[in-house]
Protein backbone atom coordinates (compact mmCIF):
# COMPACT_ATOMS: atom_id res chain seq x y z
CA MET A 1 108.47 100.14 51.40
CA MET A 2 107.71 99.46 48.34
CA LYS A 3 104.24 97.86 49.04
CA ARG A 4 103.24 100.97 50.72
CA THR A 5 104.47 102.61 47.56
CA LEU A 6 102.46 100.50 45.06
CA LEU A 7 99.40 100.59 46.96
CA THR A 8 99.21 104.70 47.04
CA LEU A 9 100.23 104.29 43.19
CA ILE A 10 97.47 102.46 42.82
CA ALA A 11 94.72 104.09 44.85
CA ALA A 12 95.62 107.62 42.50
CA LEU A 13 94.69 105.56 39.68
CA CYS A 14 91.25 104.86 41.37
CA LEU A 15 90.62 108.01 43.20
CA SER A 16 92.21 110.06 40.45
CA PHE A 17 88.84 110.96 38.81
CA ALA A 18 85.74 110.11 42.04
CA HIS A 19 85.05 114.48 41.20
CA ALA A 20 85.33 114.13 37.79
CA GLY A 21 82.07 116.82 37.63
CA GLU A 22 83.69 119.11 39.43
CA LYS A 23 85.20 122.45 37.35
CA PRO A 24 84.16 126.02 37.96
CA GLU A 25 81.11 127.12 37.21
CA PHE A 26 81.38 130.28 35.57
CA LEU A 27 77.98 132.44 34.91
CA ILE A 28 79.52 133.83 31.65
CA VAL A 29 81.29 132.51 29.19
CA PRO A 30 84.82 133.47 29.76
CA GLY A 31 86.13 135.77 26.92
CA SER A 32 82.39 136.24 25.78
CA SER A 33 81.68 139.93 27.01
CA LEU A 34 84.72 141.09 24.43
CA CYS A 35 83.91 139.52 21.19
CA PRO A 36 80.18 139.51 19.23
CA PRO A 37 77.65 136.77 19.73
CA PRO A 38 78.24 133.89 18.14
CA GLN A 39 75.90 132.75 15.33
CA VAL A 40 72.72 131.19 15.27
CA SER A 41 72.19 127.71 12.86
CA PRO A 42 68.35 126.94 11.70
CA GLU A 43 69.48 123.61 13.56
CA ALA A 44 70.08 125.19 17.05
CA VAL A 45 66.61 126.01 17.12
CA THR A 46 65.62 122.10 16.14
CA THR A 47 67.21 121.23 19.28
CA ALA A 48 66.00 123.42 21.14
CA GLU A 49 63.08 123.41 20.07
CA ASN A 50 63.67 119.28 21.01
CA GLN A 51 64.67 120.50 24.50
CA LEU A 52 61.37 122.35 25.05
CA SER A 53 59.11 119.69 23.96
CA THR A 54 60.94 117.09 26.59
CA LYS A 55 61.11 119.28 29.30
CA LYS A 56 57.78 119.71 28.91
CA ARG A 57 56.74 116.11 28.69
CA GLN A 58 59.26 115.77 32.42
CA TYR A 59 56.49 118.88 34.02
CA GLN A 60 53.40 117.39 33.33
CA GLN A 61 55.26 113.41 34.43
CA GLY A 62 56.47 115.31 37.40
CA LEU A 63 59.91 114.98 36.45
CA SER A 64 61.40 118.28 35.78
CA ASP A 65 59.82 122.19 37.47
CA TYR A 66 58.53 124.94 35.44
CA LEU A 67 61.46 127.14 35.89
CA SER A 68 63.28 124.81 33.47
CA VAL A 69 60.06 124.49 31.62
CA MET A 70 60.64 128.27 30.55
CA ASP A 71 63.88 128.67 30.72
CA ALA A 72 63.67 126.21 27.35
CA GLU A 73 60.82 128.11 26.01
CA ILE A 74 62.52 131.67 26.27
CA LEU A 75 65.96 129.78 25.12
CA VAL A 76 64.02 128.72 21.60
CA LEU A 77 62.45 132.65 21.63
CA LYS A 78 66.11 133.93 21.79
CA LEU A 79 67.91 131.89 19.41
CA LYS A 80 64.28 132.30 16.55
CA ILE A 81 65.26 136.30 17.57
CA SER A 82 68.87 135.95 17.17
CA LEU A 83 68.79 134.44 13.57
CA LEU A 84 66.47 137.17 12.08
CA ARG A 85 68.50 139.63 9.89
CA ALA A 86 66.62 142.74 10.72
CA ASP A 87 63.44 144.40 12.65
CA GLY A 88 60.08 143.38 11.78
CA GLU A 89 57.41 142.59 12.32
CA GLU A 90 58.27 139.11 13.38
CA LYS A 91 61.20 140.00 15.78
CA ASN A 92 58.86 142.66 17.48
CA LEU A 93 55.89 139.66 18.22
CA LEU A 94 58.76 137.72 19.24
CA LEU A 95 60.47 140.29 21.19
CA GLN A 96 56.74 140.57 23.13
CA GLN A 97 57.22 137.27 23.78
CA ILE A 98 60.39 136.74 25.40
CA ARG A 99 59.79 139.78 27.64
CA HIS A 100 56.66 138.66 29.01
CA ALA A 101 58.25 134.98 29.59
CA ASP A 102 61.47 137.12 30.97
CA ALA A 103 59.07 138.81 33.21
CA GLU A 104 57.48 135.41 34.18
CA ARG A 105 60.64 133.49 34.84
CA MET A 106 62.00 136.50 37.28
CA LYS A 107 58.91 136.68 39.20
CA LEU A 108 58.57 132.88 40.19
CA VAL A 109 62.77 133.02 41.50
CA GLU A 110 61.26 136.27 43.66
CA ALA A 111 58.14 134.04 44.72
CA ARG A 112 59.98 131.56 45.92
CA TYR A 113 63.28 133.13 47.16
CA ARG A 114 60.32 134.78 49.38
CA SER A 115 59.16 131.45 50.28
CA GLY A 116 62.47 131.05 51.73
CA GLY A 117 62.57 127.27 48.68
CA ILE A 118 65.86 128.77 47.47
CA SER A 119 69.07 130.89 49.39
CA GLU A 120 70.63 134.38 49.21
CA LEU A 121 72.93 133.37 46.67
CA GLU A 122 70.79 130.97 44.91
CA TYR A 123 68.52 133.72 44.31
CA ARG A 124 71.38 136.86 43.06
CA THR A 125 73.13 133.68 40.97
CA CYS A 126 69.60 133.12 39.20
CA VAL A 127 68.63 137.13 38.99
CA PHE A 128 71.71 137.75 37.59
CA ARG A 129 71.70 134.78 35.14
CA TYR A 130 68.62 136.00 33.55
CA ILE A 131 69.56 139.89 33.03
CA TRP A 132 72.79 138.48 31.75
CA GLU A 133 70.69 136.39 28.65
CA ARG A 134 68.38 139.84 28.74
CA LEU A 135 71.49 141.12 27.00
CA SER A 136 71.28 139.26 24.19
CA TRP A 137 67.55 139.73 22.47
CA GLU A 138 67.61 143.57 24.02
CA ASP A 139 71.87 144.81 24.39
CA THR A 140 70.69 148.33 25.98
CA PRO A 141 73.42 150.58 28.19
CA GLU A 142 69.76 149.87 30.82
CA ASN A 143 70.42 145.76 30.42
CA ALA A 144 74.36 146.39 30.60
CA ALA A 145 73.87 148.82 33.74
CA LEU A 146 71.63 146.07 35.50
CA ALA A 147 73.82 143.13 35.34
CA VAL A 148 76.51 145.03 36.86
CA LYS A 149 74.52 146.01 39.42
CA ALA A 150 73.33 141.96 39.60
CA ALA A 151 77.14 140.82 39.93
CA GLU A 152 77.77 143.12 42.11
CA ALA A 153 75.10 141.73 44.60
CA LEU A 154 76.09 138.60 43.83
CA GLU A 155 79.73 139.54 44.76
CA ALA A 156 78.44 140.91 48.37
CA SER A 157 76.12 137.32 48.85
CA VAL A 158 79.45 135.32 48.16
CA LEU A 159 81.77 137.85 50.14
CA GLU A 160 79.38 136.89 53.37
CA GLY A 161 79.32 133.59 52.72
CA LEU A 162 83.36 133.48 52.61
CA ARG A 163 82.71 135.59 56.21
CA CYS A 164 80.41 132.63 57.30
CA GLY A 165 82.64 129.73 56.01
CA GLN A 166 79.67 128.85 53.51
CA THR A 167 81.85 130.05 50.15
CA ASP A 168 85.46 129.61 49.73
CA ARG A 169 88.45 130.96 47.74
CA ILE A 170 87.55 129.95 43.66
CA GLN A 171 83.43 130.78 44.34
CA CYS A 172 85.00 134.34 45.44
CA LEU A 173 87.51 134.96 42.44
CA ILE A 174 84.27 133.40 40.10
CA ALA A 175 82.10 136.02 41.06
CA ALA A 176 85.23 138.88 40.85
CA ILE A 177 85.05 137.25 37.70
CA THR A 178 81.86 137.84 37.09
CA CYS A 179 81.51 141.70 38.33
CA GLY A 180 84.47 141.93 35.71
CA GLU A 181 82.69 141.01 32.47
CA ALA A 182 79.96 142.16 33.52
CA LYS A 183 81.68 145.85 32.95
CA LEU A 184 83.45 145.17 30.24
CA ARG A 185 79.85 145.04 29.00
CA GLN A 186 79.64 148.98 30.10
CA ASN A 187 83.15 150.30 29.21
CA ARG A 188 83.25 152.00 25.99
CA ASN A 189 86.55 153.96 26.36
CA ALA A 190 89.53 151.70 24.51
CA ALA A 191 91.44 152.54 27.33
CA ASP A 192 89.06 151.99 30.03
CA ILE A 193 88.49 148.46 28.24
CA GLN A 194 91.84 147.45 28.37
CA GLN A 195 91.90 148.50 31.54
CA GLN A 196 89.17 146.66 32.47
CA SER A 197 90.39 143.06 30.53
CA ALA A 198 94.13 143.53 32.16
CA GLU A 199 92.20 143.49 35.49
CA VAL A 200 89.68 140.34 34.55
CA GLN A 201 92.98 138.53 32.97
CA LYS A 202 94.47 138.57 36.46
CA LEU A 203 91.52 137.08 38.01
CA TYR A 204 91.51 134.98 35.58
CA ASP A 205 94.79 133.55 36.25
CA GLU A 206 94.75 133.70 39.91
CA LEU A 207 92.22 131.48 39.35
CA ALA A 208 94.12 128.99 36.98
CA ALA A 209 96.95 128.72 39.78
CA LEU A 210 95.00 128.66 42.68
CA CYS A 211 93.55 125.77 41.13
CA ALA A 212 96.47 124.32 40.22
CA ALA A 213 97.45 124.12 43.33
CA ARG A 214 95.21 122.10 44.70
CA ALA A 215 95.17 119.62 42.71
CA LYS A 216 98.71 118.49 43.45
CA HIS A 217 97.64 118.41 47.58
CA SER A 218 93.87 116.79 46.43
CA LEU A 219 93.43 114.09 43.61
CA GLY A 220 89.67 114.95 42.78
CA ALA A 221 90.43 118.35 41.44
CA LEU A 222 92.30 117.36 37.56
CA VAL A 223 89.29 118.73 35.95
CA MET A 224 89.62 121.90 37.70
CA GLU A 225 92.06 122.22 37.48
CA VAL A 226 92.26 122.18 33.85
CA GLU A 227 88.91 123.66 33.00
CA ALA A 228 90.19 126.91 35.42
CA ALA A 229 93.22 126.75 32.48
CA LEU A 230 90.93 126.94 29.79
CA ALA A 231 88.82 129.68 31.42
CA ALA A 232 92.38 131.65 31.59
CA ARG A 233 93.08 130.76 27.75
CA CYS A 234 90.17 131.56 26.50
CA PHE A 235 89.94 135.14 28.04
CA GLU A 236 93.07 136.08 26.65
CA ARG A 237 92.46 134.78 23.30
CA GLU A 238 89.67 137.24 23.18
CA TYR A 239 91.36 139.89 25.24
CA ALA A 240 94.25 139.46 22.48
CA CYS A 241 91.56 139.08 19.74
CA HIS A 242 89.91 142.21 20.43
CA VAL A 243 91.56 144.19 22.03
CA LEU A 244 95.11 144.43 21.52
CA ARG A 245 94.82 142.62 18.05
CA ASP A 246 97.77 140.89 18.47
CA ALA A 247 97.43 138.00 16.32
CA ASP A 248 100.88 136.43 17.62
CA VAL A 249 98.97 135.68 21.35
CA VAL A 250 95.45 134.54 19.75
CA HIS A 251 97.82 132.12 17.78
CA ARG A 252 99.44 130.75 20.76
CA THR A 253 96.81 130.78 23.18
CA HIS A 254 94.18 129.09 20.57
CA ASN A 255 96.79 126.10 20.84
CA ALA A 256 97.41 126.08 24.48
CA ILE A 257 93.18 125.92 24.51
CA LEU A 258 93.96 122.50 22.13
CA LYS A 259 96.07 121.03 24.11
CA LEU A 260 94.20 121.48 27.14
CA LEU A 261 91.07 119.42 25.75
CA GLU A 262 93.07 116.87 24.29
CA ARG A 263 94.47 116.88 28.53
CA LEU A 264 91.04 116.90 29.38
CA ARG A 265 89.78 114.31 26.41
CA ASP A 266 92.23 111.76 27.68
CA ASP A 267 91.69 112.32 31.60
CA PHE A 268 87.20 111.66 30.14
CA TYR A 269 88.37 108.66 28.00
CA PHE A 270 90.71 106.76 31.23
CA ALA A 271 87.69 107.28 33.21
CA ALA A 272 85.05 105.95 31.16
CA GLU A 273 87.12 103.07 31.34
CA ARG A 274 86.34 102.82 34.85
CA GLU A 275 83.20 103.84 34.91
CA GLU A 276 83.69 107.11 37.02
CA VAL A 277 81.87 109.69 34.31
CA SER A 278 79.00 108.64 31.30
CA GLN A 279 80.27 108.32 27.58
CA GLU A 280 78.06 111.37 27.19
CA GLU A 281 79.85 113.53 29.57
CA VAL A 282 82.90 111.98 27.11
CA HIS A 283 80.95 113.19 24.07
CA ARG A 284 80.53 116.60 25.80
CA VAL A 285 84.77 116.72 25.32
CA GLU A 286 85.00 115.99 21.81
CA LEU A 287 82.56 118.24 21.62
CA ARG A 288 84.07 120.77 22.70
CA GLN A 289 87.71 119.52 21.45
CA ALA A 290 85.74 119.70 18.19
CA GLU A 291 84.51 123.58 18.03
CA GLU A 292 88.25 124.65 18.30
CA ILE A 293 89.59 122.76 15.74
CA VAL A 294 86.33 123.71 13.35
CA ARG A 295 87.10 127.65 14.90
CA GLY A 296 91.17 127.66 13.01
CA CYS A 297 89.39 127.43 9.66
CA ARG A 298 86.37 129.88 10.48
CA ALA A 299 88.92 132.03 10.83
CA GLU A 300 89.66 131.48 6.78
CA ASN A 301 86.17 130.32 5.31
CA SER A 302 82.91 131.13 7.42
CA GLU A 303 80.81 129.66 4.79
CA LYS A 304 83.28 126.18 5.01
CA ALA A 305 82.90 126.70 8.69
CA ALA A 306 79.27 126.22 9.18
CA MET A 307 79.03 123.47 7.06
CA ILE A 308 81.83 121.44 9.07
CA GLN A 309 79.51 122.58 11.59
CA ARG A 310 76.47 120.92 10.33
CA ILE A 311 78.09 117.93 9.95
CA ILE A 312 79.57 117.72 13.48
CA ALA A 313 76.25 117.60 14.56
CA MET A 314 75.23 115.18 12.81
CA ALA A 315 78.23 113.11 13.71
CA ASP A 316 76.73 109.77 15.18
CA TYR A 317 79.32 107.48 13.97
CA SER A 318 76.82 106.20 10.57
CA PHE A 319 79.37 107.53 8.20
CA HIS A 320 82.55 107.92 10.41
CA GLU A 321 84.88 105.62 12.21
CA GLU A 322 87.11 108.25 13.96
CA SER A 323 86.85 110.28 16.59
CA ILE A 324 84.45 113.53 16.21
CA PRO A 325 87.80 115.68 16.56
CA SER A 326 90.04 113.85 14.54
CA LEU A 327 86.94 113.89 12.20
CA ALA A 328 86.39 117.98 12.37
CA GLU A 329 90.41 117.85 11.78
CA ARG A 330 89.83 115.77 8.30
CA LEU A 331 86.85 118.29 7.81
CA CYS A 332 88.97 121.73 8.02
CA TYR A 333 91.60 119.82 5.66
CA GLY A 334 88.61 118.93 3.36
CA THR A 335 88.32 120.53 -0.23
CA TYR A 336 85.39 122.86 0.08
CA GLU A 337 83.37 124.65 -3.53
CA THR A 338 79.89 126.28 -3.58
CA ASP A 339 77.56 126.11 -7.19
CA LYS A 340 75.14 128.85 -8.17
CA THR A 341 72.27 127.49 -9.40
CA THR A 342 68.92 128.06 -11.29
CA GLU A 343 67.76 127.45 -7.17
CA GLY A 344 70.11 128.78 -5.58
CA ILE A 345 73.98 127.55 -3.74
CA VAL A 346 74.35 124.48 -3.66
CA GLU A 347 78.13 123.96 -1.24
CA TYR A 348 80.50 120.53 -0.90
CA LEU A 349 83.17 118.85 0.85
CA LYS A 350 85.40 116.35 0.01
CA ILE A 351 86.91 115.02 2.29
CA THR A 352 89.53 112.00 2.42
CA GLY A 353 88.86 108.71 3.55
CA ASP A 354 89.64 107.66 7.55
CA GLY A 355 91.11 104.30 6.87
CA CYS A 356 87.54 102.88 7.57
CA CYS A 357 85.36 104.91 5.54
CA GLY A 358 86.17 105.23 1.82
CA GLN A 359 86.66 108.84 0.09
CA ARG A 360 83.06 111.35 1.32
CA ILE A 361 81.56 114.17 -0.62
CA PHE A 362 78.73 116.04 1.15
CA ILE A 363 76.14 118.26 -0.36
CA GLN A 364 73.85 120.63 0.78
CA THR A 365 71.37 121.80 -1.30
CA SER A 366 70.01 125.58 -1.49
CA LYS A 367 66.31 123.93 -0.50
CA GLY A 368 68.36 123.19 2.43
CA GLU A 369 68.85 118.61 2.15
CA PHE A 370 71.87 116.77 3.07
CA TYR A 371 73.12 114.86 0.94
CA LEU A 372 76.12 112.17 1.34
CA LEU A 373 78.01 110.01 -1.42
CA GLU A 374 80.18 107.35 0.10
CA GLU A 375 82.58 105.62 -1.54
CA ASP A 376 82.43 102.02 -1.25
CA ARG A 377 85.89 100.35 -1.44
CA GLU A 378 84.43 97.28 -2.08
CA ASP A 379 81.91 97.49 -4.49
CA GLU A 380 81.84 99.14 -8.11
CA THR A 381 79.29 101.74 -7.35
CA ASP A 382 78.96 104.34 -4.56
CA SER A 383 76.60 105.01 -2.32
CA LEU A 384 74.21 108.06 -1.90
CA MET A 385 72.75 109.29 1.18
CA LEU A 386 69.74 111.20 2.58
CA TYR A 387 70.35 113.27 6.28
CA GLN A 388 66.82 113.56 7.48
CA SER A 389 66.92 115.81 10.59
CA GLY A 390 63.74 114.79 12.18
CA SER A 391 64.53 112.02 13.04
CA LYS A 392 67.99 112.13 13.11
CA GLU A 393 68.75 108.69 10.49
CA TRP A 394 70.59 108.80 7.65
CA ILE A 395 68.39 107.47 4.44
CA THR A 396 69.85 105.06 1.40
CA CYS A 397 69.05 107.14 -2.01
CA SER A 398 70.57 104.74 -4.09
CA THR A 399 73.68 102.47 -3.86
CA ASP A 400 74.38 102.16 -7.24
CA VAL A 401 75.76 105.63 -8.13
CA PRO A 402 78.80 104.81 -10.85
CA LYS A 403 81.97 106.03 -9.55
CA SER A 404 82.75 108.40 -11.69
CA PHE A 405 80.79 110.96 -10.18
CA ALA A 406 83.18 111.17 -7.47
CA GLU A 407 86.59 110.68 -9.17
CA ASP A 408 85.72 113.37 -11.32
CA ASP A 409 88.26 115.90 -9.99
CA THR A 410 85.60 119.08 -9.89
CA LEU A 411 82.91 119.55 -7.75
CA SER A 412 81.06 122.08 -9.93
CA GLY A 413 77.47 121.03 -11.26
CA LEU A 414 78.18 117.92 -9.43
CA TRP A 415 74.37 117.84 -7.67
CA ILE A 416 72.84 118.86 -11.13
CA ARG A 417 74.27 115.47 -12.67
CA LEU A 418 73.85 113.86 -9.64
CA ARG A 419 69.80 114.60 -9.50
CA GLN A 420 69.59 114.12 -13.57
CA TRP A 421 71.35 110.44 -12.90
CA LEU A 422 68.58 110.44 -9.65
CA GLN A 423 65.66 110.56 -12.02
CA ARG A 424 66.87 108.23 -14.85
CA SER A 425 67.38 105.88 -12.41
CA ALA A 426 63.62 106.26 -11.11
CA ARG A 427 61.97 106.15 -14.35
CA SER A 428 64.07 102.73 -15.51
CA GLN A 429 62.82 101.21 -12.59
CA ARG A 430 58.90 101.64 -13.17
């Protein structure tokens, strides 16, 4: 009996992450229908442009299809439009380009559907995705109505698949959630929004309960369970924040989300040790956890949070030893200050050491340059590095920076003093 129990336990440990990639495929980020769109950074545009170049190269090599190239192209245009604060000639030109690309993409999908290249469900899914994405650059009542119509057609297709045994209850709930969130973009009456939000919350909770029940009987459903619970709590947080205006619920759900992500990260760590998932997948979970940590900081200081996000995007263990979520916490606890100079605003973020790396001061100049002044515990001087966004690498400017710069209690004027010192050092070496 003991031997059989031991073998069962070993099998559970070996199979518990057999389907780590399985998770609910939400067509709308949970709760995004209730909150304003996230801010876009120039770094996001650069990343999207690099992805577009990669997709084009892969297409030329026969490794991807043209639809993926169009998706990447539209993403770049969408982000560029989001960066523009006001209407003008540049924005109108970008809108013309993205409308044309969107129309061409839709034609391609419709042609594939008519030729039998994709199924009815795949077609309905693509149509909804594209119309929903259209709202991010043209949020009009007409597009919102089209999104609801596309979501209802998708749900009907999923229900027909259920009748034929081709889809399951989880897919039906996700389709119903998609319809519910899409309708939230249409409602303008506060009472209607609250009623619709409550109905969508019930659907998310039902999905989470179903996935939890499956996880008890299926060893491969752990990720599905956590992801469904995360979705339910994320929607609940946005519901409480933007509809109910309940700060206590927002705080409670935020903590619940952090605990769920911690659990998910631990599961992925163990799965990576067993070579069931890649380190890239672990990294993605860490970034999600870090984003949630920074979210708490954003409510107190949006400028500080924006700088932290830029630092997290550079995190490649070249300037830190701790995990990315741990680094995010350290950055949130750091000292943030700004300087007004004749050239513009300079930002500083000073953090403590992590046991391996010493104290660090991040500096973003008015020109957008990103420097790092790092304490060297084993040397009499510190190091100054500059981030190269193109190659995503740090280059060393100097390893002879006097420790007095980092030891100064105030960050005010630090960049001006550092720049003057660098100029004097450069002249003395000629």
